[in-house]
């Protein structure tokens, strides 16, 4: 089950709730047992844990080696004049992933048209 990283975890949780996810309600955590209860969501298709930048270090699916590799991949070449990718960019990508996931959940619940 996925862990999601976003700059705006509360907004992401609100969007997931609006699509019918049960978030922060103390529902049983069958797979994502280390997810903080207030950041845990249960959906018909599985579980989701929404992390903010402040607690990204506690994520279990992304390791320190993953973060280092990401930093190396996103660093611009020396002297290129390009600014490095910031955590804001990573957070935005996480938020977009959350919104896309929510749209898929809503579409799935409504069924085919």
PDB file of N, CA and C in Angstrom:
ATOM      1  N   UNK A   1       0.849  -1.183   0.000  1.00  0.00           N
ATOM      2  CA  UNK A   1       0.000   0.000   0.000  1.00  0.00           C
ATOM      3  C   UNK A   1       0.887   1.236   0.000  1.00  0.00           C
ATOM      4  N   UNK A   2       0.422   2.294  -0.596  1.00  0.00           N
ATOM      5  CA  UNK A   2       1.300   3.456  -0.782  1.00  0.00           C
ATOM      6  C   UNK A   2       1.368   4.415   0.390  1.00  0.00           C
ATOM      7  N   UNK A   3       2.519   5.031   0.480  1.00  0.00           N
ATOM      8  CA  UNK A   3       2.725   6.198   1.324  1.00  0.00           C
ATOM      9  C   UNK A   3       2.800   7.380   0.371  1.00  0.00           C
ATOM     10  N   UNK A   4       2.150   8.473   0.718  1.00  0.00           N
ATOM     11  CA  UNK A   4       2.158   9.664  -0.120  1.00  0.00           C
ATOM     12  C   UNK A   4       2.824  10.805   0.641  1.00  0.00           C
ATOM     13  N   UNK A   5       3.642  11.574  -0.038  1.00  0.00           N
ATOM     14  CA  UNK A   5       4.318  12.724   0.551  1.00  0.00           C
ATOM     15  C   UNK A   5       3.767  13.987  -0.086  1.00  0.00           C
ATOM     16  N   UNK A   6       3.357  14.938   0.736  1.00  0.00           N
ATOM     17  CA  UNK A   6       2.808  16.177   0.228  1.00  0.00           C
ATOM     18  C   UNK A   6       3.149  17.334   1.150  1.00  0.00           C
ATOM     19  N   UNK A   7       3.190  18.508   0.596  1.00  0.00           N
ATOM     20  CA  UNK A   7       3.417  19.705   1.383  1.00  0.00           C
ATOM     21  C   UNK A   7       2.160  20.065   2.173  1.00  0.00           C
ATOM     22  N   UNK A   8       1.013  19.590   1.711  1.00  0.00           N
ATOM     23  CA  UNK A   8      -0.273  19.935   2.330  1.00  0.00           C
ATOM     24  C   UNK A   8      -1.034  18.668   2.720  1.00  0.00           C
ATOM     25  N   UNK A   9      -0.577  17.961   3.749  1.00  0.00           N
ATOM     26  CA  UNK A   9      -1.239  16.705   4.113  1.00  0.00           C
ATOM     27  C   UNK A   9      -2.684  16.890   4.560  1.00  0.00           C
ATOM     28  N   UNK A  10      -2.992  17.974   5.256  1.00  0.00           N
ATOM     29  CA  UNK A  10      -4.366  18.175   5.719  1.00  0.00           C
ATOM     30  C   UNK A  10      -5.330  18.365   4.554  1.00  0.00           C
ATOM     31  N   UNK A  11      -4.890  19.078   3.523  1.00  0.00           N
ATOM     32  CA  UNK A  11      -5.725  19.266   2.338  1.00  0.00           C
ATOM     33  C   UNK A  11      -5.902  17.932   1.614  1.00  0.00           C
ATOM     34  N   UNK A  12      -4.824  17.175   1.508  1.00  0.00           N
ATOM     35  CA  UNK A  12      -4.899  15.871   0.854  1.00  0.00           C
ATOM     36  C   UNK A  12      -5.867  14.955   1.595  1.00  0.00           C
ATOM     37  N   UNK A  13      -5.791  14.944   2.931  1.00  0.00           N
ATOM     38  CA  UNK A  13      -6.711  14.121   3.719  1.00  0.00           C
ATOM     39  C   UNK A  13      -8.157  14.577   3.513  1.00  0.00           C
ATOM     40  N   UNK A  14      -8.365  15.874   3.435  1.00  0.00           N
ATOM     41  CA  UNK A  14      -9.720  16.406   3.214  1.00  0.00           C
ATOM     42  C   UNK A  14     -10.254  15.960   1.844  1.00  0.00           C
ATOM     43  N   UNK A  15      -9.408  16.013   0.831  1.00  0.00           N
ATOM     44  CA  UNK A  15      -9.819  15.591  -0.510  1.00  0.00           C
ATOM     45  C   UNK A  15     -10.141  14.099  -0.514  1.00  0.00           C
ATOM     46  N   UNK A  16      -9.320  13.303   0.150  1.00  0.00           N
ATOM     47  CA  UNK A  16      -9.577  11.865   0.222  1.00  0.00           C
ATOM     48  C   UNK A  16     -10.889  11.581   0.951  1.00  0.00           C
ATOM     49  N   UNK A  17     -11.138  12.308   2.051  1.00  0.00           N
ATOM     50  CA  UNK A  17     -12.402  12.130   2.780  1.00  0.00           C
ATOM     51  C   UNK A  17     -13.594  12.473   1.896  1.00  0.00           C
ATOM     52  N   UNK A  18     -13.451  13.523   1.100  1.00  0.00           N
ATOM     53  CA  UNK A  18     -14.560  13.938   0.236  1.00  0.00           C
ATOM     54  C   UNK A  18     -14.890  12.868  -0.802  1.00  0.00           C
ATOM     55  N   UNK A  19     -13.935  11.983  -1.071  1.00  0.00           N
ATOM     56  CA  UNK A  19     -14.147  10.894  -2.023  1.00  0.00           C
ATOM     57  C   UNK A  19     -14.582   9.609  -1.325  1.00  0.00           C
ATOM     58  N   UNK A  20     -14.802   9.686  -0.009  1.00  0.00           N
ATOM     59  CA  UNK A  20     -15.295   8.530   0.719  1.00  0.00           C
ATOM     60  C   UNK A  20     -14.265   7.756   1.517  1.00  0.00           C
ATOM     61  N   UNK A  21     -13.020   8.209   1.514  1.00  0.00           N
ATOM     62  CA  UNK A  21     -12.000   7.523   2.309  1.00  0.00           C
ATOM     63  C   UNK A  21     -12.248   7.795   3.790  1.00  0.00           C
ATOM     64  N   UNK A  22     -11.925   6.825   4.608  1.00  0.00           N
ATOM     65  CA  UNK A  22     -12.031   6.981   6.056  1.00  0.00           C
ATOM     66  C   UNK A  22     -10.635   7.288   6.569  1.00  0.00           C
ATOM     67  N   UNK A  23     -10.413   8.552   6.934  1.00  0.00           N
ATOM     68  CA  UNK A  23      -9.084   9.012   7.340  1.00  0.00           C
ATOM     69  C   UNK A  23      -9.103   9.496   8.788  1.00  0.00           C
ATOM     70  N   UNK A  24      -8.094   9.077   9.556  1.00  0.00           N
ATOM     71  CA  UNK A  24      -7.952   9.540  10.925  1.00  0.00           C
ATOM     72  C   UNK A  24      -9.080   9.123  11.835  1.00  0.00           C
ATOM     73  N   UNK A  25      -9.770   8.044  11.523  1.00  0.00           N
ATOM     74  CA  UNK A  25     -10.925   7.604  12.302  1.00  0.00           C
ATOM     75  C   UNK A  25     -10.600   6.426  13.214  1.00  0.00           C
ATOM     76  N   UNK A  26      -9.363   5.999  13.236  1.00  0.00           N
ATOM     77  CA  UNK A  26      -9.006   4.861  14.064  1.00  0.00           C
ATOM     78  C   UNK A  26      -9.430   3.523  13.490  1.00  0.00           C
ATOM     79  N   UNK A  27      -9.637   3.468  12.170  1.00  0.00           N
ATOM     80  CA  UNK A  27      -9.991   2.191  11.543  1.00  0.00           C
ATOM     81  C   UNK A  27      -8.772   1.260  11.590  1.00  0.00           C
ATOM     82  N   UNK A  28      -8.992  -0.041  11.591  1.00  0.00           N
ATOM     83  CA  UNK A  28      -7.868  -0.981  11.688  1.00  0.00           C
ATOM     84  C   UNK A  28      -6.861  -0.805  10.548  1.00  0.00           C
ATOM     85  N   UNK A  29      -5.586  -0.770  10.915  1.00  0.00           N
ATOM     86  CA  UNK A  29      -4.497  -0.656   9.955  1.00  0.00           C
ATOM     87  C   UNK A  29      -3.934  -2.054   9.740  1.00  0.00           C
ATOM     88  N   UNK A  30      -4.292  -2.644   8.614  1.00  0.00           N
ATOM     89  CA  UNK A  30      -3.896  -4.024   8.350  1.00  0.00           C
ATOM     90  C   UNK A  30      -2.504  -4.135   7.727  1.00  0.00           C
ATOM     91  N   UNK A  31      -2.129  -3.155   6.909  1.00  0.00           N
ATOM     92  CA  UNK A  31      -0.846  -3.215   6.218  1.00  0.00           C
ATOM     93  C   UNK A  31       0.074  -2.085   6.679  1.00  0.00           C
ATOM     94  N   UNK A  32      -0.413  -0.859   6.661  1.00  0.00           N
ATOM     95  CA  UNK A  32       0.398   0.305   7.023  1.00  0.00           C
ATOM     96  C   UNK A  32       0.323   0.542   8.538  1.00  0.00           C
ATOM     97  N   UNK A  33       0.841  -0.410   9.297  1.00  0.00           N
ATOM     98  CA  UNK A  33       0.724  -0.371  10.754  1.00  0.00           C
ATOM     99  C   UNK A  33       1.539   0.749  11.408  1.00  0.00           C
ATOM    100  N   UNK A  34       2.589   1.215  10.757  1.00  0.00           N
ATOM    101  CA  UNK A  34       3.414   2.266  11.362  1.00  0.00           C
ATOM    102  C   UNK A  34       2.956   3.672  10.967  1.00  0.00           C
ATOM    103  N   UNK A  35       1.917   3.774  10.153  1.00  0.00           N
ATOM    104  CA  UNK A  35       1.391   5.073   9.746  1.00  0.00           C
ATOM    105  C   UNK A  35       0.742   5.746  10.954  1.00  0.00           C
ATOM    106  N   UNK A  36       1.043   7.034  11.184  1.00  0.00           N
ATOM    107  CA  UNK A  36       0.363   7.738  12.274  1.00  0.00           C
ATOM    108  C   UNK A  36      -1.154   7.696  12.054  1.00  0.00           C
ATOM    109  N   UNK A  37      -1.918   7.364  13.089  1.00  0.00           N
ATOM    110  CA  UNK A  37      -3.373   7.201  12.962  1.00  0.00           C
ATOM    111  C   UNK A  37      -4.043   8.393  12.284  1.00  0.00           C
ATOM    112  N   UNK A  38      -3.598   9.597  12.615  1.00  0.00           N
ATOM    113  CA  UNK A  38      -4.239  10.791  12.057  1.00  0.00           C
ATOM    114  C   UNK A  38      -3.933  10.983  10.577  1.00  0.00           C
ATOM    115  N   UNK A  39      -2.958  10.242  10.039  1.00  0.00           N
ATOM    116  CA  UNK A  39      -2.567  10.353   8.631  1.00  0.00           C
ATOM    117  C   UNK A  39      -2.950   9.113   7.827  1.00  0.00           C
ATOM    118  N   UNK A  40      -3.646   8.181   8.463  1.00  0.00           N
ATOM    119  CA  UNK A  40      -4.006   6.912   7.841  1.00  0.00           C
ATOM    120  C   UNK A  40      -5.383   7.001   7.200  1.00  0.00           C
ATOM    121  N   UNK A  41      -5.514   6.485   5.972  1.00  0.00           N
ATOM    122  CA  UNK A  41      -6.795   6.441   5.267  1.00  0.00           C
ATOM    123  C   UNK A  41      -7.068   5.025   4.801  1.00  0.00           C
ATOM    124  N   UNK A  42      -8.317   4.636   4.938  1.00  0.00           N
ATOM    125  CA  UNK A  42      -8.775   3.326   4.470  1.00  0.00           C
ATOM    126  C   UNK A  42      -9.751   3.574   3.330  1.00  0.00           C
ATOM    127  N   UNK A  43      -9.494   2.954   2.204  1.00  0.00           N
ATOM    128  CA  UNK A  43     -10.352   3.056   1.031  1.00  0.00           C
ATOM    129  C   UNK A  43     -10.811   1.655   0.647  1.00  0.00           C
ATOM    130  N   UNK A  44     -11.862   1.557  -0.172  1.00  0.00           N
ATOM    131  CA  UNK A  44     -12.313   0.230  -0.590  1.00  0.00           C
ATOM    132  C   UNK A  44     -11.205  -0.590  -1.257  1.00  0.00           C
ATOM    133  N   UNK A  45     -10.286   0.083  -1.943  1.00  0.00           N
ATOM    134  CA  UNK A  45      -9.226  -0.627  -2.653  1.00  0.00           C
ATOM    135  C   UNK A  45      -7.943  -0.808  -1.876  1.00  0.00           C
ATOM    136  N   UNK A  46      -7.880  -0.301  -0.645  1.00  0.00           N
ATOM    137  CA  UNK A  46      -6.657  -0.464   0.129  1.00  0.00           C
ATOM    138  C   UNK A  46      -6.423   0.650   1.126  1.00  0.00           C
ATOM    139  N   UNK A  47      -5.190   0.743   1.568  1.00  0.00           N
ATOM    140  CA  UNK A  47      -4.794   1.705   2.587  1.00  0.00           C
ATOM    141  C   UNK A  47      -3.844   2.740   1.997  1.00  0.00           C
ATOM    142  N   UNK A  48      -3.811   3.899   2.651  1.00  0.00           N
ATOM    143  CA  UNK A  48      -2.967   4.996   2.211  1.00  0.00           C
ATOM    144  C   UNK A  48      -2.479   5.751   3.437  1.00  0.00           C
ATOM    145  N   UNK A  49      -1.221   6.157   3.427  1.00  0.00           N
ATOM    146  CA  UNK A  49      -0.674   6.971   4.506  1.00  0.00           C
ATOM    147  C   UNK A  49      -0.181   8.280   3.891  1.00  0.00           C
ATOM    148  N   UNK A  50      -0.663   9.394   4.419  1.00  0.00           N
ATOM    149  CA  UNK A  50      -0.332  10.707   3.882  1.00  0.00           C
ATOM    150  C   UNK A  50       0.679  11.388   4.809  1.00  0.00           C
ATOM    151  N   UNK A  51       1.868  11.629   4.302  1.00  0.00           N
ATOM    152  CA  UNK A  51       2.931  12.264   5.082  1.00  0.00           C
ATOM    153  C   UNK A  51       3.129  13.701   4.631  1.00  0.00           C
ATOM    154  N   UNK A  52       3.389  14.571   5.583  1.00  0.00           N
ATOM    155  CA  UNK A  52       3.791  15.938   5.293  1.00  0.00           C
ATOM    156  C   UNK A  52       5.307  16.013   5.297  1.00  0.00           C
ATOM    157  N   UNK A  53       5.829  17.128   4.848  1.00  0.00           N
ATOM    158  CA  UNK A  53       7.280  17.285   4.815  1.00  0.00           C
ATOM    159  C   UNK A  53       7.885  17.175   6.206  1.00  0.00           C
ATOM    160  N   UNK A  54       7.112  17.594   7.228  1.00  0.00           N
ATOM    161  CA  UNK A  54       7.615  17.568   8.596  1.00  0.00           C
ATOM    162  C   UNK A  54       7.829  16.158   9.137  1.00  0.00           C
ATOM    163  N   UNK A  55       7.165  15.166   8.565  1.00  0.00           N
ATOM    164  CA  UNK A  55       7.366  13.804   9.054  1.00  0.00           C
ATOM    165  C   UNK A  55       7.798  12.842   7.942  1.00  0.00           C
ATOM    166  N   UNK A  56       8.359  13.383   6.865  1.00  0.00           N
ATOM    167  CA  UNK A  56       8.819  12.545   5.746  1.00  0.00           C
ATOM    168  C   UNK A  56       9.908  11.576   6.187  1.00  0.00           C
ATOM    169  N   UNK A  57      10.694  11.960   7.160  1.00  0.00           N
ATOM    170  CA  UNK A  57      11.789  11.110   7.627  1.00  0.00           C
ATOM    171  C   UNK A  57      11.276   9.809   8.230  1.00  0.00           C
ATOM    172  N   UNK A  58      10.006   9.774   8.654  1.00  0.00           N
ATOM    173  CA  UNK A  58       9.452   8.573   9.275  1.00  0.00           C
ATOM    174  C   UNK A  58       8.806   7.630   8.264  1.00  0.00           C
ATOM    175  N   UNK A  59       8.795   8.002   6.997  1.00  0.00           N
ATOM    176  CA  UNK A  59       8.231   7.124   5.974  1.00  0.00           C
ATOM    177  C   UNK A  59       9.017   5.815   5.952  1.00  0.00           C
ATOM    178  N   UNK A  60       8.320   4.715   5.713  1.00  0.00           N
ATOM    179  CA  UNK A  60       8.987   3.412   5.724  1.00  0.00           C
ATOM    180  C   UNK A  60       9.314   2.906   4.327  1.00  0.00           C
ATOM    181  N   UNK A  61       8.669   3.444   3.298  1.00  0.00           N
ATOM    182  CA  UNK A  61       8.877   2.939   1.946  1.00  0.00           C
ATOM    183  C   UNK A  61       9.959   3.705   1.190  1.00  0.00           C
ATOM    184  N   UNK A  62      10.385   4.841   1.728  1.00  0.00           N
ATOM    185  CA  UNK A  62      11.467   5.613   1.114  1.00  0.00           C
ATOM    186  C   UNK A  62      12.619   5.635   2.110  1.00  0.00           C
ATOM    187  N   UNK A  63      13.756   5.116   1.693  1.00  0.00           N
ATOM    188  CA  UNK A  63      14.913   4.997   2.576  1.00  0.00           C
ATOM    189  C   UNK A  63      15.842   6.195   2.425  1.00  0.00           C
ATOM    190  N   UNK A  64      16.801   6.282   3.326  1.00  0.00           N
ATOM    191  CA  UNK A  64      17.809   7.346   3.243  1.00  0.00           C
ATOM    192  C   UNK A  64      18.558   7.254   1.911  1.00  0.00           C
ATOM    193  N   UNK A  65      18.814   6.039   1.466  1.00  0.00           N
ATOM    194  CA  UNK A  65      19.500   5.856   0.176  1.00  0.00           C
ATOM    195  C   UNK A  65      18.643   6.385  -0.973  1.00  0.00           C
ATOM    196  N   UNK A  66      17.326   6.199  -0.881  1.00  0.00           N
ATOM    197  CA  UNK A  66      16.425   6.735  -1.915  1.00  0.00           C
ATOM    198  C   UNK A  66      16.502   8.257  -1.956  1.00  0.00           C
ATOM    199  N   UNK A  67      16.492   8.892  -0.766  1.00  0.00           N
ATOM    200  CA  UNK A  67      16.554  10.362  -0.708  1.00  0.00           C
ATOM    201  C   UNK A  67      17.871  10.861  -1.298  1.00  0.00           C
ATOM    202  N   UNK A  68      18.982  10.169  -0.969  1.00  0.00           N
ATOM    203  CA  UNK A  68      20.284  10.575  -1.510  1.00  0.00           C
ATOM    204  C   UNK A  68      20.298  10.447  -3.030  1.00  0.00           C
ATOM    205  N   UNK A  69      19.767   9.335  -3.543  1.00  0.00           N
ATOM    206  CA  UNK A  69      19.736   9.125  -4.988  1.00  0.00           C
ATOM    207  C   UNK A  69      18.887  10.190  -5.662  1.00  0.00           C
ATOM    208  N   UNK A  70      17.765  10.535  -5.052  1.00  0.00           N
ATOM    209  CA  UNK A  70      16.907  11.575  -5.614  1.00  0.00           C
ATOM    210  C   UNK A  70      17.632  12.917  -5.641  1.00  0.00           C
ATOM    211  N   UNK A  71      18.318  13.234  -4.565  1.00  0.00           N
ATOM    212  CA  UNK A  71      19.055  14.501  -4.507  1.00  0.00           C
ATOM    213  C   UNK A  71      20.133  14.551  -5.580  1.00  0.00           C
ATOM    214  N   UNK A  72      20.808  13.434  -5.813  1.00  0.00           N
ATOM    215  CA  UNK A  72      21.850  13.392  -6.846  1.00  0.00           C
ATOM    216  C   UNK A  72      21.260  13.517  -8.246  1.00  0.00           C
ATOM    217  N   UNK A  73      20.106  12.909  -8.463  1.00  0.00           N
ATOM    218  CA  UNK A  73      19.471  12.954  -9.780  1.00  0.00           C
ATOM    219  C   UNK A  73      18.921  14.334 -10.103  1.00  0.00           C
ATOM    220  N   UNK A  74      18.491  15.058  -9.092  1.00  0.00           N
ATOM    221  CA  UNK A  74      17.825  16.336  -9.334  1.00  0.00           C
ATOM    222  C   UNK A  74      18.758  17.523  -9.228  1.00  0.00           C
ATOM    223  N   UNK A  75      19.983  17.299  -8.810  1.00  0.00           N
ATOM    224  CA  UNK A  75      20.928  18.412  -8.705  1.00  0.00           C
ATOM    225  C   UNK A  75      21.376  18.819 -10.109  1.00  0.00           C
ATOM    226  N   UNK A  76      21.319  20.107 -10.404  1.00  0.00           N
ATOM    227  CA  UNK A  76      21.772  20.545 -11.726  1.00  0.00           C
ATOM    228  C   UNK A  76      23.291  20.421 -11.841  1.00  0.00           C
ATOM    229  N   UNK A  77      23.777  20.288 -13.040  1.00  0.00           N
ATOM    230  CA  UNK A  77      25.225  20.217 -13.209  1.00  0.00           C
ATOM    231  C   UNK A  77      25.877  21.493 -12.682  1.00  0.00           C
ATOM    232  N   UNK A  78      27.035  21.374 -12.070  1.00  0.00           N
ATOM    233  CA  UNK A  78      27.735  22.568 -11.584  1.00  0.00           C
ATOM    234  C   UNK A  78      27.945  23.569 -12.715  1.00  0.00           C
ATOM    235  N   UNK A  79      27.693  24.840 -12.416  1.00  0.00           N
ATOM    236  CA  UNK A  79      27.886  25.896 -13.393  1.00  0.00           C
ATOM    237  C   UNK A  79      26.767  26.050 -14.396  1.00  0.00           C
ATOM    238  N   UNK A  80      25.686  25.275 -14.254  1.00  0.00           N
ATOM    239  CA  UNK A  80      24.585  25.352 -15.211  1.00  0.00           C
ATOM    240  C   UNK A  80      23.696  26.568 -14.974  1.00  0.00           C
ATOM    241  N   UNK A  81      23.775  27.134 -13.775  1.00  0.00           N
ATOM    242  CA  UNK A  81      22.930  28.286 -13.454  1.00  0.00           C
ATOM    243  C   UNK A  81      21.505  27.906 -13.090  1.00  0.00           C
ATOM    244  N   UNK A  82      21.195  26.622 -13.112  1.00  0.00           N
ATOM    245  CA  UNK A  82      19.850  26.173 -12.767  1.00  0.00           C
ATOM    246  C   UNK A  82      19.774  25.900 -11.269  1.00  0.00           C
ATOM    247  N   UNK A  83      18.674  26.316 -10.627  1.00  0.00           N
ATOM    248  CA  UNK A  83      18.536  26.022  -9.206  1.00  0.00           C
ATOM    249  C   UNK A  83      18.203  24.541  -9.004  1.00  0.00           C
ATOM    250  N   UNK A  84      18.635  23.966  -7.876  1.00  0.00           N
ATOM    251  CA  UNK A  84      18.314  22.554  -7.631  1.00  0.00           C
ATOM    252  C   UNK A  84      16.834  22.375  -7.324  1.00  0.00           C
ATOM    253  N   UNK A  85      16.333  21.157  -7.559  1.00  0.00           N
ATOM    254  CA  UNK A  85      14.962  20.821  -7.189  1.00  0.00           C
ATOM    255  C   UNK A  85      14.856  20.888  -5.673  1.00  0.00           C
ATOM    256  N   UNK A  86      13.857  21.552  -5.183  1.00  0.00           N
ATOM    257  CA  UNK A  86      13.684  21.702  -3.742  1.00  0.00           C
ATOM    258  C   UNK A  86      12.653  20.721  -3.232  1.00  0.00           C
ATOM    259  N   UNK A  87      12.531  20.630  -1.917  1.00  0.00           N
ATOM    260  CA  UNK A  87      11.503  19.789  -1.317  1.00  0.00           C
ATOM    261  C   UNK A  87      10.118  20.311  -1.695  1.00  0.00           C
ATOM    262  N   UNK A  88      10.006  21.595  -2.009  1.00  0.00           N
ATOM    263  CA  UNK A  88       8.717  22.134  -2.459  1.00  0.00           C
ATOM    264  C   UNK A  88       8.296  21.449  -3.762  1.00  0.00           C
ATOM    265  N   UNK A  89       9.253  21.234  -4.631  1.00  0.00           N
ATOM    266  CA  UNK A  89       8.949  20.540  -5.883  1.00  0.00           C
ATOM    267  C   UNK A  89       8.557  19.099  -5.644  1.00  0.00           C
ATOM    268  N   UNK A  90       9.244  18.449  -4.735  1.00  0.00           N
ATOM    269  CA  UNK A  90       8.906  17.066  -4.393  1.00  0.00           C
ATOM    270  C   UNK A  90       7.522  17.025  -3.741  1.00  0.00           C
ATOM    271  N   UNK A  91       7.248  17.983  -2.849  1.00  0.00           N
ATOM    272  CA  UNK A  91       5.936  18.045  -2.194  1.00  0.00           C
ATOM    273  C   UNK A  91       4.818  18.284  -3.187  1.00  0.00           C
ATOM    274  N   UNK A  92       5.058  19.155  -4.148  1.00  0.00           N
ATOM    275  CA  UNK A  92       4.050  19.420  -5.175  1.00  0.00           C
ATOM    276  C   UNK A  92       3.755  18.150  -5.970  1.00  0.00           C
ATOM    277  N   UNK A  93       4.791  17.410  -6.296  1.00  0.00           N
ATOM    278  CA  UNK A  93       4.594  16.152  -7.017  1.00  0.00           C
ATOM    279  C   UNK A  93       3.754  15.189  -6.174  1.00  0.00           C
ATOM    280  N   UNK A  94       4.004  15.151  -4.874  1.00  0.00           N
ATOM    281  CA  UNK A  94       3.222  14.296  -3.986  1.00  0.00           C
ATOM    282  C   UNK A  94       1.768  14.722  -3.925  1.00  0.00           C
ATOM    283  N   UNK A  95       1.541  16.025  -3.883  1.00  0.00           N
ATOM    284  CA  UNK A  95       0.168  16.533  -3.850  1.00  0.00           C
ATOM    285  C   UNK A  95      -0.556  16.178  -5.139  1.00  0.00           C
ATOM    286  N   UNK A  96       0.114  16.340  -6.262  1.00  0.00           N
ATOM    287  CA  UNK A  96      -0.502  15.982  -7.542  1.00  0.00           C
ATOM    288  C   UNK A  96      -0.827  14.492  -7.596  1.00  0.00           C
ATOM    289  N   UNK A  97       0.062  13.674  -7.061  1.00  0.00           N
ATOM    290  CA  UNK A  97      -0.207  12.236  -7.025  1.00  0.00           C
ATOM    291  C   UNK A  97      -1.435  11.953  -6.169  1.00  0.00           C
ATOM    292  N   UNK A  98      -1.563  12.664  -5.052  1.00  0.00           N
ATOM    293  CA  UNK A  98      -2.730  12.490  -4.188  1.00  0.00           C
ATOM    294  C   UNK A  98      -4.017  12.906  -4.866  1.00  0.00           C
ATOM    295  N   UNK A  99      -3.984  14.005  -5.587  1.00  0.00           N
ATOM    296  CA  UNK A  99      -5.171  14.475  -6.299  1.00  0.00           C
ATOM    297  C   UNK A  99      -5.558  13.480  -7.387  1.00  0.00           C
ATOM    298  N   UNK A 100      -4.567  12.969  -8.118  1.00  0.00           N
ATOM    299  CA  UNK A 100      -4.857  11.972  -9.153  1.00  0.00           C
ATOM    300  C   UNK A 100      -5.444  10.703  -8.545  1.00  0.00           C
ATOM    301  N   UNK A 101      -4.904  10.277  -7.409  1.00  0.00           N
ATOM    302  CA  UNK A 101      -5.438   9.105  -6.728  1.00  0.00           C
ATOM    303  C   UNK A 101      -6.885   9.337  -6.325  1.00  0.00           C
ATOM    304  N   UNK A 102      -7.173  10.509  -5.804  1.00  0.00           N
ATOM    305  CA  UNK A 102      -8.534  10.837  -5.395  1.00  0.00           C
ATOM    306  C   UNK A 102      -9.480  10.820  -6.594  1.00  0.00           C
ATOM    307  N   UNK A 103      -9.037  11.387  -7.700  1.00  0.00           N
ATOM    308  CA  UNK A 103      -9.874  11.391  -8.898  1.00  0.00           C
ATOM    309  C   UNK A 103     -10.175   9.965  -9.351  1.00  0.00           C
ATOM    310  N   UNK A 104      -9.179   9.081  -9.263  1.00  0.00           N
ATOM    311  CA  UNK A 104      -9.398   7.682  -9.631  1.00  0.00           C
ATOM    312  C   UNK A 104     -10.393   7.009  -8.692  1.00  0.00           C
ATOM    313  N   UNK A 105     -10.290   7.300  -7.399  1.00  0.00           N
ATOM    314  CA  UNK A 105     -11.209   6.712  -6.422  1.00  0.00           C
ATOM    315  C   UNK A 105     -12.633   7.180  -6.701  1.00  0.00           C
ATOM    316  N   UNK A 106     -12.795   8.486  -6.946  1.00  0.00           N
ATOM    317  CA  UNK A 106     -14.126   9.029  -7.227  1.00  0.00           C
ATOM    318  C   UNK A 106     -14.695   8.395  -8.486  1.00  0.00           C
ATOM    319  N   UNK A 107     -13.896   8.302  -9.512  1.00  0.00           N
ATOM    320  CA  UNK A 107     -14.350   7.722 -10.783  1.00  0.00           C
ATOM    321  C   UNK A 107     -14.750   6.254 -10.591  1.00  0.00           C
ATOM    322  N   UNK A 108     -13.951   5.560  -9.817  1.00  0.00           N
ATOM    323  CA  UNK A 108     -14.235   4.144  -9.582  1.00  0.00           C
ATOM    324  C   UNK A 108     -15.529   3.957  -8.806  1.00  0.00           C
ATOM    325  N   UNK A 109     -15.781   4.824  -7.846  1.00  0.00           N
ATOM    326  CA  UNK A 109     -17.007   4.734  -7.038  1.00  0.00           C
ATOM    327  C   UNK A 109     -18.242   5.058  -7.849  1.00  0.00           C
ATOM    328  N   UNK A 110     -18.115   5.948  -8.820  1.00  0.00           N
ATOM    329  CA  UNK A 110     -19.258   6.331  -9.656  1.00  0.00           C
ATOM    330  C   UNK A 110     -19.567   5.278 -10.703  1.00  0.00           C
ATOM    331  N   UNK A 111     -18.556   4.506 -11.072  1.00  0.00           N
ATOM    332  CA  UNK A 111     -18.753   3.453 -12.063  1.00  0.00           C
ATOM    333  C   UNK A 111     -18.658   3.991 -13.482  1.00  0.00           C
ATOM    334  N   UNK A 112     -18.733   3.088 -14.456  1.00  0.00           N
ATOM    335  CA  UNK A 112     -18.632   3.516 -15.860  1.00  0.00           C
ATOM    336  C   UNK A 112     -19.857   4.312 -16.290  1.00  0.00           C
ATOM    337  N   UNK A 113     -19.627   5.192 -17.217  1.00  0.00           N
ATOM    338  CA  UNK A 113     -20.738   6.029 -17.723  1.00  0.00           C
ATOM    339  C   UNK A 113     -21.231   5.526 -19.025  1.00  0.00           C
TER     340      UNK A 113
END
